[in-house]
Protein backbone atom coordinates (compact mmCIF):
# COMPACT_ATOMS: atom_id res chain seq x y z
CA MET A 1 -105.19 52.52 -24.32
CA ASN A 2 -102.36 53.87 -25.65
CA THR A 3 -100.16 54.19 -22.93
CA LEU A 4 -98.41 51.41 -20.07
CA GLU A 5 -100.70 53.44 -17.80
CA SER A 6 -104.00 53.55 -19.29
CA LEU A 7 -103.57 49.32 -19.11
CA PRO A 8 -105.99 48.66 -16.49
CA GLY A 9 -103.71 45.77 -13.56
CA ILE A 10 -100.88 47.63 -14.76
CA ARG A 11 -98.26 47.26 -11.59
CA ARG A 12 -94.56 48.60 -11.50
CA ASP A 13 -91.62 46.76 -9.58
CA VAL A 14 -92.75 43.26 -9.04
CA VAL A 15 -90.34 40.61 -7.88
CA LEU A 16 -90.82 37.57 -10.61
CA ALA A 17 -89.60 35.50 -8.38
CA PRO A 18 -92.79 33.85 -7.42
CA PHE A 19 -94.00 33.90 -10.63
CA THR A 20 -91.14 30.92 -11.60
CA THR A 21 -90.64 27.30 -11.13
CA TYR A 22 -87.17 28.33 -10.18
CA ASN A 23 -88.79 30.62 -7.07
CA ILE A 24 -85.56 33.18 -8.80
CA GLY A 25 -85.88 36.49 -10.33
CA GLY A 26 -86.03 40.31 -9.80
CA PRO A 27 -88.47 42.51 -10.21
CA ALA A 28 -90.37 43.71 -13.96
CA ASP A 29 -90.72 47.56 -14.04
CA TYR A 30 -93.94 46.72 -14.84
CA PHE A 31 -96.21 43.75 -14.82
CA LEU A 32 -99.64 42.85 -15.86
CA GLU A 33 -101.76 39.81 -15.79
CA ALA A 34 -103.33 38.99 -19.34
CA THR A 35 -106.30 37.10 -18.67
CA THR A 36 -108.23 37.24 -22.36
CA THR A 37 -106.53 37.56 -25.64
CA ASP A 38 -107.69 40.80 -25.97
CA GLN A 39 -105.86 41.93 -23.02
CA LEU A 40 -102.46 40.18 -24.28
CA THR A 41 -103.16 41.62 -27.74
CA GLN A 42 -103.53 45.04 -26.40
CA ALA A 43 -100.74 44.98 -24.19
CA ILE A 44 -98.31 43.98 -26.71
CA LEU A 45 -99.54 46.43 -29.26
CA VAL A 46 -98.57 49.66 -26.50
CA ALA A 47 -95.31 47.43 -25.60
CA ARG A 48 -94.38 47.64 -29.11
CA LYS A 49 -95.90 51.59 -30.18
CA ALA A 50 -93.86 52.75 -26.67
CA ALA A 51 -90.96 50.63 -28.25
CA LEU A 52 -90.64 49.18 -24.74
CA PRO A 53 -88.72 45.35 -24.04
CA TYR A 54 -91.73 42.80 -23.11
CA PHE A 55 -91.61 39.24 -22.17
CA ILE A 56 -94.31 37.16 -22.40
CA LEU A 57 -94.19 34.96 -19.14
CA GLY A 58 -96.32 31.90 -19.04
CA ALA A 59 -96.02 28.91 -16.51
CA GLY A 60 -92.61 30.25 -15.40
CA ALA A 61 -90.66 27.12 -16.62
CA ASN A 62 -87.70 26.85 -18.95
CA ILE A 63 -86.66 30.15 -17.57
CA LEU A 64 -83.83 31.53 -15.43
CA VAL A 65 -84.58 35.17 -14.26
CA SER A 66 -81.46 37.32 -13.55
CA ASP A 67 -81.17 38.35 -10.13
CA HIS A 68 -81.96 42.41 -11.62
CA GLY A 69 -85.13 41.64 -12.83
CA PHE A 70 -86.57 42.87 -16.16
CA ARG A 71 -86.38 46.42 -17.65
CA GLY A 72 -89.77 46.66 -19.75
CA LEU A 73 -92.88 44.87 -19.41
CA VAL A 74 -93.73 41.52 -18.46
CA ILE A 75 -96.87 40.18 -19.49
CA ARG A 76 -98.47 37.03 -17.29
CA ASN A 77 -100.42 35.35 -19.54
CA ARG A 78 -103.39 33.94 -18.10
CA ALA A 79 -105.72 33.67 -21.17
CA ASN A 80 -107.67 30.40 -20.57
CA GLY A 81 -110.96 30.60 -22.72
CA THR A 82 -111.80 26.70 -24.09
CA SER A 83 -114.28 25.59 -26.35
CA ILE A 84 -114.99 21.84 -27.73
CA ASP A 85 -116.19 21.01 -31.07
CA GLY A 86 -116.25 17.12 -31.28
CA ASP A 87 -113.01 15.76 -31.20
CA ARG A 88 -111.18 19.96 -31.59
CA LEU A 89 -110.23 21.42 -29.03
CA THR A 90 -109.43 24.99 -29.32
CA VAL A 91 -107.94 27.12 -26.28
CA ALA A 92 -106.21 30.31 -25.11
CA SER A 93 -102.59 30.25 -25.32
CA GLY A 94 -102.38 31.10 -21.36
CA ALA A 95 -104.58 27.77 -20.46
CA THR A 96 -102.21 25.27 -18.65
CA ILE A 97 -101.55 22.07 -20.24
CA ALA A 98 -102.24 20.61 -16.70
CA ASP A 99 -105.53 21.77 -16.92
CA LEU A 100 -106.39 21.19 -20.61
CA ILE A 101 -105.38 17.28 -20.00
CA GLU A 102 -108.24 17.47 -16.83
CA LEU A 103 -110.72 18.69 -19.34
CA THR A 104 -110.03 16.57 -22.14
CA ALA A 105 -109.73 13.77 -20.28
CA ARG A 106 -113.43 14.53 -18.46
CA GLU A 107 -114.81 14.73 -22.27
CA SER A 108 -112.92 11.25 -23.07
CA LEU A 109 -110.46 12.73 -25.61
CA SER A 110 -107.06 11.55 -26.03
CA GLY A 111 -103.51 13.56 -26.86
CA LEU A 112 -102.70 15.80 -24.20
CA GLU A 113 -101.98 13.26 -21.55
CA HIS A 114 -98.52 12.10 -22.25
CA PHE A 115 -97.84 15.68 -21.07
CA THR A 116 -98.63 14.83 -17.48
CA GLY A 117 -96.83 16.69 -14.97
CA ILE A 118 -94.98 19.21 -16.99
CA PRO A 119 -95.80 22.83 -16.01
CA SER A 120 -96.46 24.94 -19.00
CA THR A 121 -98.83 26.89 -20.97
CA VAL A 122 -100.29 26.47 -24.17
CA GLY A 123 -97.90 29.26 -25.20
CA GLY A 124 -95.15 27.93 -23.45
CA ALA A 125 -96.12 23.97 -25.31
CA ILE A 126 -96.09 25.38 -28.86
CA TRP A 127 -92.64 28.30 -28.28
CA GLN A 128 -91.09 24.88 -26.74
CA ASN A 129 -92.69 22.09 -28.95
CA LEU A 130 -93.37 20.09 -25.70
CA HIS A 131 -92.65 16.51 -25.58
CA PHE A 132 -92.30 13.55 -23.66
CA LEU A 133 -90.29 10.26 -24.41
CA ALA A 134 -92.62 7.14 -23.66
CA PRO A 135 -91.12 5.13 -20.79
CA ASP A 136 -90.60 2.72 -23.40
CA ARG A 137 -88.12 4.67 -24.94
CA LYS A 138 -89.10 3.67 -28.53
CA GLU A 139 -91.07 7.27 -29.33
CA THR A 140 -90.92 10.70 -28.76
CA LEU A 141 -94.28 12.47 -28.54
CA PHE A 142 -94.47 16.04 -29.85
CA ILE A 143 -97.15 18.49 -28.83
CA GLY A 144 -97.10 20.80 -32.04
CA ASP A 145 -98.41 16.83 -34.03
CA SER A 146 -101.27 17.41 -32.53
CA LEU A 147 -101.44 21.37 -33.42
CA ILE A 148 -103.99 21.62 -36.21
CA SER A 149 -104.43 25.54 -36.71
CA ALA A 150 -103.65 28.69 -34.40
CA GLU A 151 -103.60 32.25 -34.60
CA VAL A 152 -100.59 34.59 -33.87
CA LEU A 153 -100.19 38.00 -33.85
CA LEU A 154 -97.16 38.75 -36.03
CA SER A 155 -94.57 41.93 -35.74
CA ASP A 156 -97.34 43.81 -38.25
CA ASN A 157 -99.08 44.45 -35.39
CA GLN A 158 -101.91 42.04 -37.03
CA VAL A 159 -103.59 38.49 -36.47
CA TYR A 160 -103.56 35.80 -38.58
CA PRO A 161 -105.07 32.01 -38.67
CA VAL A 162 -101.98 29.79 -39.81
CA ASP A 163 -101.52 25.99 -39.72
CA ARG A 164 -99.24 23.45 -38.19
CA ASP A 165 -96.79 23.76 -40.80
CA PHE A 166 -95.78 27.55 -40.02
CA PHE A 167 -94.38 26.79 -36.58
CA GLN A 168 -91.55 24.77 -38.34
CA PHE A 169 -91.56 22.22 -35.34
CA GLY A 170 -88.38 21.11 -34.11
CA TYR A 171 -86.91 19.02 -31.42
CA ASP A 172 -87.05 21.84 -28.03
CA ASP A 173 -87.65 24.37 -31.50
CA SER A 174 -90.18 26.43 -33.20
CA LYS A 175 -90.41 29.60 -35.41
CA LEU A 176 -91.25 31.62 -32.14
CA HIS A 177 -87.47 31.38 -31.24
CA HIS A 178 -86.70 32.86 -34.08
CA GLU A 179 -89.38 35.48 -35.32
CA GLU A 180 -91.71 37.84 -33.11
CA VAL A 181 -94.87 35.73 -33.51
CA ILE A 182 -97.47 35.55 -30.19
CA VAL A 183 -99.38 32.61 -30.04
CA LEU A 184 -103.29 33.79 -29.13
CA SER A 185 -105.18 30.56 -29.28
CA VAL A 186 -104.26 26.87 -31.00
CA THR A 187 -106.85 24.35 -31.93
CA PHE A 188 -106.04 20.50 -31.30
CA GLN A 189 -107.12 17.67 -33.05
CA LEU A 190 -107.83 15.10 -30.57
CA SER A 191 -109.12 11.71 -30.13
CA PRO A 192 -111.84 9.63 -28.51
CA LYS A 193 -110.46 7.35 -25.60
CA PRO A 194 -112.20 5.43 -23.10
CA GLU A 195 -111.59 8.07 -19.81
CA ALA A 196 -110.33 5.53 -17.32
CA GLU A 197 -107.77 4.69 -20.31
CA ILE A 198 -106.60 8.26 -20.52
CA ARG A 199 -106.14 8.48 -16.59
CA GLU A 200 -104.32 5.37 -16.52
CA GLN A 201 -101.89 6.63 -18.62
CA MET A 202 -101.26 10.04 -17.01
CA LYS A 203 -100.95 8.16 -13.26
CA ALA A 204 -98.21 6.08 -15.38
CA ASN A 205 -96.58 8.73 -16.52
CA GLN A 206 -96.76 10.80 -13.45
CA GLU A 207 -95.11 8.15 -11.58
CA TRP A 208 -92.24 7.88 -14.36
CA ARG A 209 -91.42 11.30 -13.89
CA ASN A 210 -91.75 10.99 -9.67
CA GLU A 211 -89.07 7.82 -10.00
CA LYS A 212 -87.14 9.67 -12.99
CA GLN A 213 -87.00 13.65 -12.22
CA PRO A 214 -86.85 15.95 -8.92
CA GLN A 215 -90.56 17.42 -8.81
CA LEU A 216 -91.28 20.61 -7.86
CA SER A 217 -93.04 19.50 -4.41
CA GLU A 218 -89.53 18.49 -3.18
CA TYR A 219 -87.08 21.54 -4.52
CA PRO A 220 -87.27 24.33 -7.52
CA SER A 221 -86.01 24.02 -11.10
CA CYS A 222 -86.89 25.03 -14.63
CA GLY A 223 -86.65 21.54 -15.83
CA SER A 224 -84.11 20.08 -18.13
CA VAL A 225 -81.48 22.92 -18.64
CA PHE A 226 -79.21 21.59 -21.63
CA LYS A 227 -80.45 20.58 -24.84
CA LYS A 228 -80.42 16.90 -25.91
CA ILE A 229 -77.51 15.20 -27.91
CA GLU A 230 -78.56 12.61 -30.05
CA GLY A 231 -77.76 9.55 -29.14
CA VAL A 232 -75.83 10.56 -25.83
CA GLY A 233 -77.98 12.67 -23.35
CA ALA A 234 -77.23 15.66 -22.02
CA GLY A 235 -77.67 14.51 -18.28
CA ARG A 236 -76.10 11.18 -18.74
CA LEU A 237 -72.71 13.34 -19.96
CA ILE A 238 -73.48 15.27 -16.89
CA GLU A 239 -73.76 12.18 -14.78
CA HIS A 240 -71.31 9.46 -16.39
CA GLU A 241 -68.84 11.58 -18.11
CA ALA A 242 -68.03 14.83 -16.09
CA LEU A 243 -69.22 12.86 -12.73
CA MET A 244 -71.25 15.92 -11.81
CA LYS A 245 -74.29 15.22 -9.68
CA GLY A 246 -74.02 16.81 -6.55
CA VAL A 247 -72.00 19.41 -7.42
CA ARG A 248 -73.15 22.78 -5.82
CA ILE A 249 -72.76 26.37 -6.08
CA GLY A 250 -74.31 28.37 -3.21
CA ASN A 251 -78.15 26.91 -2.99
CA VAL A 252 -78.01 25.15 -6.51
CA GLN A 253 -77.13 21.45 -7.50
CA VAL A 254 -76.81 19.65 -10.02
CA SER A 255 -79.51 16.98 -9.19
CA GLU A 256 -78.60 13.79 -7.26
CA LYS A 257 -82.01 12.35 -9.12
CA HIS A 258 -81.73 13.51 -12.54
CA ALA A 259 -78.40 15.19 -13.37
CA ASN A 260 -79.56 17.66 -16.11
CA TYR A 261 -81.98 19.63 -13.73
CA LEU A 262 -80.08 22.21 -11.13
CA ILE A 263 -82.25 21.93 -8.58
CA ASN A 264 -82.82 25.34 -5.75
CA LEU A 265 -81.92 24.41 -2.19
CA GLY A 266 -83.77 27.72 -1.12
CA GLY A 267 -82.46 30.69 -1.65
CA GLY A 268 -80.30 30.04 -4.54
CA THR A 269 -79.94 32.68 -6.51
CA ALA A 270 -79.59 33.49 -10.73
CA THR A 271 -75.95 34.28 -9.90
CA ASP A 272 -75.49 30.42 -8.32
CA VAL A 273 -77.56 28.80 -11.38
CA LYS A 274 -75.54 30.77 -13.97
CA ALA A 275 -72.36 29.70 -12.33
CA LEU A 276 -73.34 26.24 -12.13
CA ILE A 277 -74.31 26.63 -15.87
CA ASP A 278 -71.00 27.77 -16.62
CA LEU A 279 -69.32 25.33 -14.87
CA VAL A 280 -71.16 21.88 -16.01
CA HIS A 281 -71.10 23.39 -19.62
CA ASP A 282 -67.49 23.70 -19.05
CA THR A 283 -66.66 20.53 -17.46
CA VAL A 284 -68.64 18.80 -19.61
CA LEU A 285 -66.62 20.55 -22.87
CA LYS A 286 -62.94 19.80 -21.36
CA LYS A 287 -63.66 16.00 -20.51
CA THR A 288 -66.17 14.64 -23.86
CA GLY A 289 -65.58 17.44 -26.17
CA HIS A 290 -69.69 18.12 -26.64
CA ASP A 291 -70.83 21.57 -26.14
CA LEU A 292 -73.57 21.94 -24.29
CA GLN A 293 -76.40 24.09 -25.68
CA LEU A 294 -79.28 25.58 -23.22
CA GLU A 295 -82.60 24.52 -23.49
CA ILE A 296 -83.94 27.09 -21.25
CA SER A 297 -84.07 31.16 -21.89
CA LEU A 298 -81.99 33.23 -19.80
CA VAL A 299 -84.65 36.66 -18.97
CA GLY A 300 -83.77 40.06 -18.06
CA GLU A 301 -80.21 42.20 -17.30
CA TRP A 302 -77.38 39.68 -17.14
């Protein structure tokens, strides 16, 4: 399989909006769903050989896809094989965190339940070093802390085993932001805990999210738009200093529940979102001097 046309399941001109949590985004020139790590790897190698831009799509959160779409190949990563060996979980990068939380809860294994309610695949979670600030606000928990090893495809088209240090995890950051690294599979170190206690934590975390953050069942969004500013908080700047809660451009609005969320009221466009992002950024900069940085990725033609 040396050409795009030879890849099983390859499609043309597929609108990306249904595959994003924003429900926003134009068409990809080529689109493929990879259900195994072999399919994922092969698609990437073919795209690289053809010098064709490609984008790995996970759960579709933390991204804003242009109304003009993506000129190249979008690979939706749905590789989700899992295995458990004692208190270690090995999983393909397309598995969703939600599915893994349920699986490990049933197995009385703790470590992932703190990320309840966050839409993400494993690959996306490693990219972002998925984190959760506990309700008592005493500790931020990072998914990278549970990772012990992984298999990655590097720019030389070879697959390598790596350890946690390879990823150079930071807050909303990892090596994946800075180099062409594709995560194929990951092994997490978990810890035994009674299932009832795990499910109690899952319930508490989901209730906290329901109270503090707009839910996708209410309005589509992509999660927090701007990165955290240590000791300040982007949401607090937008709400209390810039006074922008409820501000709207087109059908996109600064959420009344959490000001670092820009919600799609229905029929919102990427152009609307980007215009509101720019307005929020410029207003906060003018009123506070803080230069907000995007936490989300802009995908496609802008």
